[in-house]
Amino acid sequence: MTRPSDMREAERADFLAAAGWSGARASALAGDASTRSYERLDLNGRVALLMNAPPKAESAPCPRDASPEERRALGYNAMARLAGPNLSAFLDIDAALRAAGLSAPEIYAADPARGFALIEDLGDALYARAIPAGANEEALYAAAVDALLQLRAAAPRPPASDQYTMLSYDRTALEAEIGLLPEWYWTFRKGAPPPPSLLAEYYAAWAGALDGLSAPTTIILRDFHAENLLWLPQRQGAARVGLIDFQDGLIGHAAYDLASLLEDARRDVRADLAESMLAYYAAGASAYADFDADAFFSDYAILAAQRNAKILGIFARLVKRDGKPRYLDFLPRVEGHFRRDLARPALAPVRAFFARHFPDLVS
């Protein structure tokens, strides 16, 4: 009987042959929290990355017209509007970013049906490596903010095709993500899940904050942080920032990617640097008539807390369910972010909930 791994290897060989890369030397790259894997290929001095995204490795993505009830029945990917096994999401968002003048990888060949793509190798200079190695932290973060401002200025049309349609970061998605905290983190820290009555109180506490968000209007990349940004100093302007891992992008709130950058789960960002980058973004965005600074900073406060609630749940799940203990090392930093988030006025009801039931996340 042919094993699934053997079948996948045969598909890989077929794809590389069709792309003209048979015989390339391959070296595996370190994995992340997803089901995708990557290899660096070298064919007579030509380099590229092979993305391997098995189409059946995750639950279904969100159909464009699915109701909240239908999304709940399909599972978390559909609820949170994650790309799941749909490689076309990466390909189409990549095209939109490149059209906006940003440094997403060039696509050399792709087979979305089988889940393979051969893409440009943007190198190894991730922000998370380049800064400790001596790169100027302030310059790199300013360039990352410039990339977000460029994305706002270019305003590329959200992708829409038969294979993939970019959806909005709606209330169902936001609530699905904050639900990861009581589902995984609460149980991990307290040894038992919260009772239904506390769950109802938890979502009620968040309702007012989420009600205060402005409407989603811009493409966001959703995982815009130091492990997904590459420093490309040989390029110019906003293109100096290489972008990867953006397949879960949505039409969302401009503040979300900035919160992802400045409240990074995997590295410390100095408070003064975060404040200066917030001000730098606001100064750049103020050139646009539709920019409302008060709404932007309110969105930032709410979305930073929402994102960190999600990450607490995800990291606890990675440790408890998936056997990845290294994510324990990140939890204290995210807990610190979340405590500071809850101190902001827009999160007062959420802070009051945790003060009553989970004071470790407040004090």
Protein backbone atom coordinates (compact mmCIF):
# COMPACT_ATOMS: atom_id res chain seq x y z
CA MET A 1 0.00 0.00 0.00
CA THR A 2 1.30 3.44 -0.91
CA ARG A 3 1.76 5.62 2.14
CA PRO A 4 0.48 9.23 2.12
CA SER A 5 4.03 10.48 2.65
CA ASP A 6 5.19 8.60 -0.44
CA MET A 7 2.32 10.03 -2.46
CA ARG A 8 3.19 13.54 -1.31
CA GLU A 9 6.82 13.02 -2.23
CA ALA A 10 5.79 11.88 -5.71
CA GLU A 11 3.60 14.99 -6.12
CA ARG A 12 6.53 17.13 -5.00
CA ALA A 13 8.81 15.52 -7.59
CA ASP A 14 6.21 16.01 -10.33
CA PHE A 15 5.79 19.68 -9.42
CA LEU A 16 9.52 20.38 -9.40
CA ALA A 17 9.96 18.59 -12.72
CA ALA A 18 7.21 20.66 -14.33
CA ALA A 19 8.78 23.83 -12.92
CA GLY A 20 12.21 22.90 -14.28
CA TRP A 21 13.76 22.37 -10.85
CA SER A 22 14.36 18.61 -10.85
CA GLY A 23 17.66 17.72 -9.25
CA ALA A 24 17.83 20.83 -7.08
CA ARG A 25 19.58 20.42 -3.74
CA ALA A 26 17.05 20.90 -0.95
CA SER A 27 17.48 21.89 2.69
CA ALA A 28 14.58 22.11 5.10
CA LEU A 29 13.84 25.41 6.82
CA ALA A 30 12.68 25.65 10.41
CA GLY A 31 8.93 25.20 10.74
CA ASP A 32 6.41 27.45 12.42
CA ALA A 33 3.04 26.89 14.07
CA SER A 34 1.30 26.09 10.77
CA THR A 35 0.90 22.93 8.67
CA ARG A 36 3.01 24.38 5.86
CA SER A 37 6.67 23.47 5.40
CA TYR A 38 9.46 25.09 3.41
CA GLU A 39 12.65 24.00 1.69
CA ARG A 40 15.44 26.09 0.24
CA LEU A 41 16.37 24.83 -3.22
CA ASP A 42 19.64 25.36 -5.07
CA LEU A 43 19.87 24.45 -8.74
CA ASN A 44 23.25 25.29 -10.19
CA GLY A 45 23.44 28.49 -8.19
CA ARG A 46 19.81 29.51 -8.66
CA VAL A 47 17.91 29.61 -5.38
CA ALA A 48 14.22 29.47 -4.54
CA LEU A 49 11.93 28.33 -1.77
CA LEU A 50 9.51 25.46 -2.10
CA MET A 51 6.30 25.96 -0.14
CA ASN A 52 4.55 22.69 0.69
CA ALA A 53 0.97 23.31 1.81
CA PRO A 54 -0.92 19.99 1.86
CA PRO A 55 -4.52 20.68 0.78
CA LYS A 56 -6.09 18.37 3.38
CA ALA A 57 -3.90 19.25 6.36
CA GLU A 58 -6.38 21.73 7.85
CA SER A 59 -10.10 22.22 8.17
CA ALA A 60 -11.98 24.08 5.46
CA PRO A 61 -11.59 27.83 4.96
CA CYS A 62 -14.57 30.16 5.16
CA PRO A 63 -16.93 30.13 2.15
CA ARG A 64 -17.57 33.67 1.02
CA ASP A 65 -21.30 33.66 1.84
CA ALA A 66 -21.32 31.38 4.89
CA SER A 67 -23.44 32.44 7.85
CA PRO A 68 -21.94 32.49 11.37
CA GLU A 69 -23.80 29.25 12.12
CA GLU A 70 -22.40 27.59 8.99
CA ARG A 71 -18.91 28.77 9.89
CA ARG A 72 -19.19 27.30 13.38
CA ALA A 73 -20.20 23.97 11.85
CA LEU A 74 -17.15 24.04 9.54
CA GLY A 75 -14.68 24.69 12.35
CA TYR A 76 -12.22 27.27 13.59
CA ASN A 77 -10.61 28.11 10.23
CA ALA A 78 -13.98 29.15 8.85
CA MET A 79 -14.96 31.00 12.03
CA ALA A 80 -11.72 33.00 12.18
CA ARG A 81 -11.51 33.31 8.38
CA LEU A 82 -8.10 31.67 8.12
CA ALA A 83 -6.85 30.57 4.70
CA GLY A 84 -6.53 26.97 5.84
CA PRO A 85 -5.56 24.71 2.93
CA ASN A 86 -6.28 27.30 0.22
CA LEU A 87 -2.89 28.13 -1.33
CA SER A 88 -4.61 30.57 -3.68
CA ALA A 89 -4.96 32.92 -0.72
CA PHE A 90 -1.19 33.28 -0.51
CA LEU A 91 -0.80 33.61 -4.28
CA ASP A 92 -3.51 36.24 -4.71
CA ILE A 93 -2.49 38.35 -1.72
CA ASP A 94 1.10 38.12 -2.90
CA ALA A 95 0.07 39.59 -6.25
CA ALA A 96 -1.83 42.43 -4.55
CA LEU A 97 1.16 43.30 -2.35
CA ARG A 98 3.59 43.28 -5.26
CA ALA A 99 1.23 45.49 -7.25
CA ALA A 100 1.31 47.90 -4.31
CA GLY A 101 5.10 48.17 -4.57
CA LEU A 102 5.88 45.95 -1.61
CA SER A 103 8.40 43.13 -1.39
CA ALA A 104 6.31 39.99 -1.31
CA PRO A 105 8.10 37.04 -2.96
CA GLU A 106 7.96 36.61 -6.72
CA ILE A 107 6.07 33.45 -7.64
CA TYR A 108 8.02 31.27 -10.07
CA ALA A 109 5.55 28.37 -10.31
CA ALA A 110 2.48 27.23 -8.41
CA ASP A 111 0.01 24.35 -8.24
CA PRO A 112 -2.75 25.46 -5.86
CA ALA A 113 -4.74 22.24 -6.31
CA ARG A 114 -1.87 20.15 -4.99
CA GLY A 115 -0.53 22.76 -2.59
CA PHE A 116 2.91 23.62 -3.95
CA ALA A 117 4.52 26.93 -4.83
CA LEU A 118 8.04 27.79 -5.91
CA ILE A 119 8.78 31.31 -4.71
CA GLU A 120 11.53 33.89 -4.49
CA ASP A 121 14.01 33.41 -1.65
CA LEU A 122 14.14 36.72 0.20
CA GLY A 123 17.03 35.55 2.37
CA ASP A 124 17.52 34.95 6.06
CA ALA A 125 17.64 38.49 7.45
CA LEU A 126 14.46 38.27 9.49
CA TYR A 127 14.02 41.27 11.77
CA ALA A 128 14.26 38.84 14.69
CA ARG A 129 17.79 37.95 13.54
CA ALA A 130 18.97 41.16 11.91
CA ILE A 131 18.39 43.38 14.94
CA PRO A 132 20.34 41.20 17.43
CA ALA A 133 23.08 40.97 14.79
CA GLY A 134 23.50 44.75 14.83
CA ALA A 135 20.94 46.25 12.44
CA ASN A 136 19.49 49.57 13.55
CA GLU A 137 16.26 48.70 15.36
CA GLU A 138 14.65 52.12 14.97
CA ALA A 139 15.38 52.19 11.23
CA LEU A 140 13.97 48.72 10.68
CA TYR A 141 10.77 49.45 12.61
CA ALA A 142 10.32 52.76 10.79
CA ALA A 143 10.69 50.87 7.49
CA ALA A 144 8.03 48.38 8.63
CA VAL A 145 5.68 51.26 9.40
CA ASP A 146 6.51 52.73 5.98
CA ALA A 147 5.40 49.43 4.44
CA LEU A 148 2.06 49.69 6.23
CA LEU A 149 1.67 53.29 5.09
CA GLN A 150 2.53 52.24 1.53
CA LEU A 151 -0.13 49.55 1.68
CA ARG A 152 -2.62 52.17 2.83
CA ALA A 153 -1.56 54.62 0.13
CA ALA A 154 -1.64 52.08 -2.70
CA ALA A 155 -4.99 50.68 -1.51
CA PRO A 156 -4.81 47.57 -3.73
CA ARG A 157 -8.12 45.98 -4.59
CA PRO A 158 -8.82 43.05 -2.25
CA PRO A 159 -8.38 39.79 -4.19
CA ALA A 160 -11.56 38.22 -5.52
CA SER A 161 -11.70 35.21 -7.84
CA ASP A 162 -13.29 31.79 -8.12
CA GLN A 163 -10.35 30.34 -6.18
CA TYR A 164 -10.13 32.91 -3.38
CA THR A 165 -11.99 35.96 -2.16
CA MET A 166 -10.60 38.11 0.64
CA LEU A 167 -13.21 38.50 3.35
CA SER A 168 -13.57 41.00 6.19
CA TYR A 169 -12.34 40.69 9.75
CA ASP A 170 -15.86 40.52 11.10
CA ARG A 171 -17.35 40.11 14.55
CA THR A 172 -17.58 36.32 14.25
CA ALA A 173 -13.85 36.12 13.50
CA LEU A 174 -12.91 38.46 16.35
CA GLU A 175 -15.06 36.52 18.83
CA ALA A 176 -13.75 33.16 17.63
CA GLU A 177 -10.22 34.34 18.39
CA ILE A 178 -10.89 35.70 21.87
CA GLY A 179 -12.62 32.38 22.57
CA LEU A 180 -9.23 30.67 22.45
CA LEU A 181 -8.26 32.22 25.79
CA PRO A 182 -10.98 30.52 27.87
CA GLU A 183 -10.81 27.35 25.75
CA TRP A 184 -7.06 26.76 26.07
CA TYR A 185 -5.19 29.27 28.21
CA TRP A 186 -7.69 29.31 31.09
CA THR A 187 -7.69 25.53 31.29
CA PHE A 188 -3.90 25.41 30.97
CA ARG A 189 -3.36 27.84 33.87
CA LYS A 190 -6.27 26.86 36.12
CA GLY A 191 -6.58 23.14 35.37
CA ALA A 192 -10.26 23.30 34.38
CA PRO A 193 -12.30 25.27 31.82
CA PRO A 194 -14.51 28.15 32.95
CA PRO A 195 -18.16 27.22 33.58
CA PRO A 196 -20.76 28.33 31.00
CA SER A 197 -21.93 31.20 33.19
CA LEU A 198 -18.42 32.68 33.21
CA LEU A 199 -18.10 32.20 29.48
CA ALA A 200 -21.25 34.26 28.95
CA GLU A 201 -19.86 36.94 31.25
CA TYR A 202 -16.54 36.86 29.38
CA TYR A 203 -18.12 37.51 25.97
CA ALA A 204 -20.41 40.16 27.44
CA ALA A 205 -17.37 41.98 28.83
CA TRP A 206 -15.77 42.03 25.39
CA ALA A 207 -18.94 43.11 23.60
CA GLY A 208 -18.66 46.79 24.45
CA ALA A 209 -15.05 46.99 23.32
CA LEU A 210 -15.72 45.22 20.03
CA ASP A 211 -18.76 47.45 19.47
CA GLY A 212 -16.39 50.41 19.60
CA LEU A 213 -14.26 49.32 16.64
CA SER A 214 -14.42 51.30 13.43
CA ALA A 215 -15.41 49.57 10.20
CA PRO A 216 -12.81 47.34 8.52
CA THR A 217 -11.62 49.08 5.36
CA THR A 218 -8.07 48.08 4.45
CA ILE A 219 -6.04 44.98 3.64
CA ILE A 220 -4.23 43.73 6.73
CA LEU A 221 -1.66 40.93 6.78
CA ARG A 222 -2.56 39.66 10.26
CA ASP A 223 0.89 38.32 11.24
CA PHE A 224 3.03 41.40 10.72
CA HIS A 225 5.88 40.93 13.19
CA ALA A 226 9.63 40.39 13.48
CA GLU A 227 9.55 36.69 12.54
CA ASN A 228 7.72 37.47 9.29
CA LEU A 229 9.61 40.58 8.13
CA LEU A 230 12.94 40.47 6.29
CA TRP A 231 15.41 43.31 5.99
CA LEU A 232 16.33 44.00 2.35
CA PRO A 233 18.53 47.11 2.54
CA GLN A 234 19.54 46.85 -1.13
CA ARG A 235 15.98 47.81 -2.10
CA GLN A 236 14.39 51.23 -1.84
CA GLY A 237 11.71 52.76 0.39
CA ALA A 238 8.97 50.51 1.70
CA ALA A 239 10.29 47.68 -0.53
CA ARG A 240 13.18 47.26 1.93
CA VAL A 241 10.83 45.13 4.04
CA GLY A 242 10.31 41.59 2.80
CA LEU A 243 6.88 40.18 3.58
CA ILE A 244 6.01 36.53 4.23
CA ASP A 245 3.26 34.54 5.97
CA PHE A 246 0.38 36.77 4.91
CA GLN A 247 -2.06 34.15 3.55
CA ASP A 248 -4.53 34.82 6.40
CA GLY A 249 -4.90 38.47 5.42
CA LEU A 250 -8.33 40.09 5.58
CA ILE A 251 -10.04 43.39 5.04
CA GLY A 252 -9.59 44.79 8.51
CA HIS A 253 -8.57 47.70 10.69
CA ALA A 254 -5.32 49.50 9.90
CA ALA A 255 -4.31 49.43 13.57
CA TYR A 256 -4.21 45.62 13.69
CA ASP A 257 -0.90 45.09 11.89
CA LEU A 258 0.72 47.86 13.90
CA ALA A 259 -0.39 46.14 17.12
CA SER A 260 1.05 42.89 15.77
CA LEU A 261 4.37 44.62 15.11
CA LEU A 262 4.68 46.56 18.34
CA GLU A 263 3.25 44.02 20.79
CA ASP A 264 5.31 41.16 19.39
CA ALA A 265 4.83 37.80 21.08
CA ARG A 266 8.36 36.64 20.30
CA ARG A 267 10.61 39.62 21.01
CA ASP A 268 10.60 42.63 23.29
CA VAL A 269 9.92 46.01 21.74
CA ARG A 270 10.94 48.92 23.95
CA ALA A 271 8.03 51.01 25.20
CA ASP A 272 9.56 54.23 23.88
CA LEU A 273 10.10 52.68 20.45
CA ALA A 274 6.52 51.43 20.33
CA GLU A 275 5.21 54.86 21.24
CA SER A 276 7.35 56.59 18.64
CA MET A 277 6.25 54.14 15.92
CA LEU A 278 2.60 54.69 16.80
CA ALA A 279 3.15 58.42 16.46
CA TYR A 280 5.10 57.90 13.22
CA TYR A 281 2.26 55.92 11.68
CA ALA A 282 -0.34 58.48 12.77
CA ALA A 283 1.73 61.33 11.31
CA GLY A 284 2.03 59.52 7.99
CA ALA A 285 -1.62 58.50 7.86
CA SER A 286 -2.80 62.01 8.70
CA ALA A 287 -2.19 62.93 5.06
CA TYR A 288 -5.38 61.03 4.18
CA ALA A 289 -8.70 62.76 4.65
CA ASP A 290 -10.36 59.63 6.02
CA PHE A 291 -7.83 59.19 8.85
CA ASP A 292 -9.35 59.73 12.29
CA ALA A 293 -6.59 59.70 14.90
CA ASP A 294 -8.94 59.19 17.85
CA ALA A 295 -10.61 56.21 16.18
CA PHE A 296 -7.23 54.80 15.17
CA PHE A 297 -5.81 54.84 18.69
CA SER A 298 -9.03 53.40 20.09
CA ASP A 299 -8.91 50.61 17.50
CA TYR A 300 -5.28 49.98 18.40
CA ALA A 301 -6.09 49.56 22.09
CA ILE A 302 -8.97 47.16 21.44
CA LEU A 303 -7.23 45.11 18.77
CA ALA A 304 -3.98 44.78 20.72
CA ALA A 305 -5.94 43.23 23.59
CA GLN A 306 -8.00 41.08 21.25
CA ARG A 307 -4.88 39.80 19.49
CA ASN A 308 -3.06 39.03 22.73
CA ALA A 309 -6.09 37.15 24.08
CA LYS A 310 -5.95 35.05 20.92
CA ILE A 311 -2.21 34.46 21.22
CA LEU A 312 -2.48 33.35 24.84
CA GLY A 313 -4.95 30.73 23.69
CA ILE A 314 -2.90 29.67 20.67
CA PHE A 315 0.35 29.30 22.60
CA ALA A 316 -1.35 27.35 25.39
CA ARG A 317 -2.86 25.06 22.74
CA LEU A 318 0.53 24.57 21.08
CA VAL A 319 1.99 23.51 24.43
CA LYS A 320 -0.89 21.42 25.74
CA ARG A 321 -2.33 19.78 22.62
CA ASP A 322 0.53 19.89 20.12
CA GLY A 323 3.45 19.11 22.40
CA LYS A 324 5.50 22.22 21.57
CA PRO A 325 6.92 23.30 24.95
CA ARG A 326 9.05 26.09 23.47
CA TYR A 327 5.92 28.25 23.35
CA LEU A 328 5.96 28.31 27.15
CA ASP A 329 8.89 30.71 26.88
CA PHE A 330 6.71 33.25 25.08
CA LEU A 331 3.76 33.22 27.46
CA PRO A 332 5.19 35.65 30.07
CA ARG A 333 5.77 38.29 27.39
CA VAL A 334 2.24 37.94 25.99
CA GLU A 335 0.78 38.00 29.50
CA GLY A 336 2.66 41.25 30.08
CA HIS A 337 1.27 42.72 26.86
CA PHE A 338 -2.23 41.69 27.85
CA ARG A 339 -1.96 43.25 31.32
CA ARG A 340 -0.88 46.54 29.78
CA ASP A 341 -3.64 46.33 27.18
CA LEU A 342 -6.27 45.87 29.87
CA ALA A 343 -5.13 49.07 31.59
CA ARG A 344 -6.34 51.14 28.62
CA PRO A 345 -9.75 52.80 29.12
CA ALA A 346 -11.40 51.09 26.14
CA LEU A 347 -10.85 47.73 27.85
CA ALA A 348 -12.30 48.65 31.25
CA PRO A 349 -15.12 46.04 31.19
CA VAL A 350 -12.70 43.30 30.12
CA ARG A 351 -10.26 44.31 32.83
CA ALA A 352 -13.04 44.18 35.41
CA PHE A 353 -13.91 40.63 34.33
CA PHE A 354 -10.32 39.45 34.76
CA ALA A 355 -9.96 41.31 38.06
CA ARG A 356 -12.89 39.26 39.37
CA HIS A 357 -12.04 35.88 37.91
CA PHE A 358 -8.41 35.78 36.80
CA PRO A 359 -6.53 38.46 38.75
CA ASP A 360 -3.12 37.11 37.65
CA LEU A 361 -3.80 38.70 34.28
CA VAL A 362 -4.48 42.10 35.81
CA SER A 363 -1.94 42.61 38.59
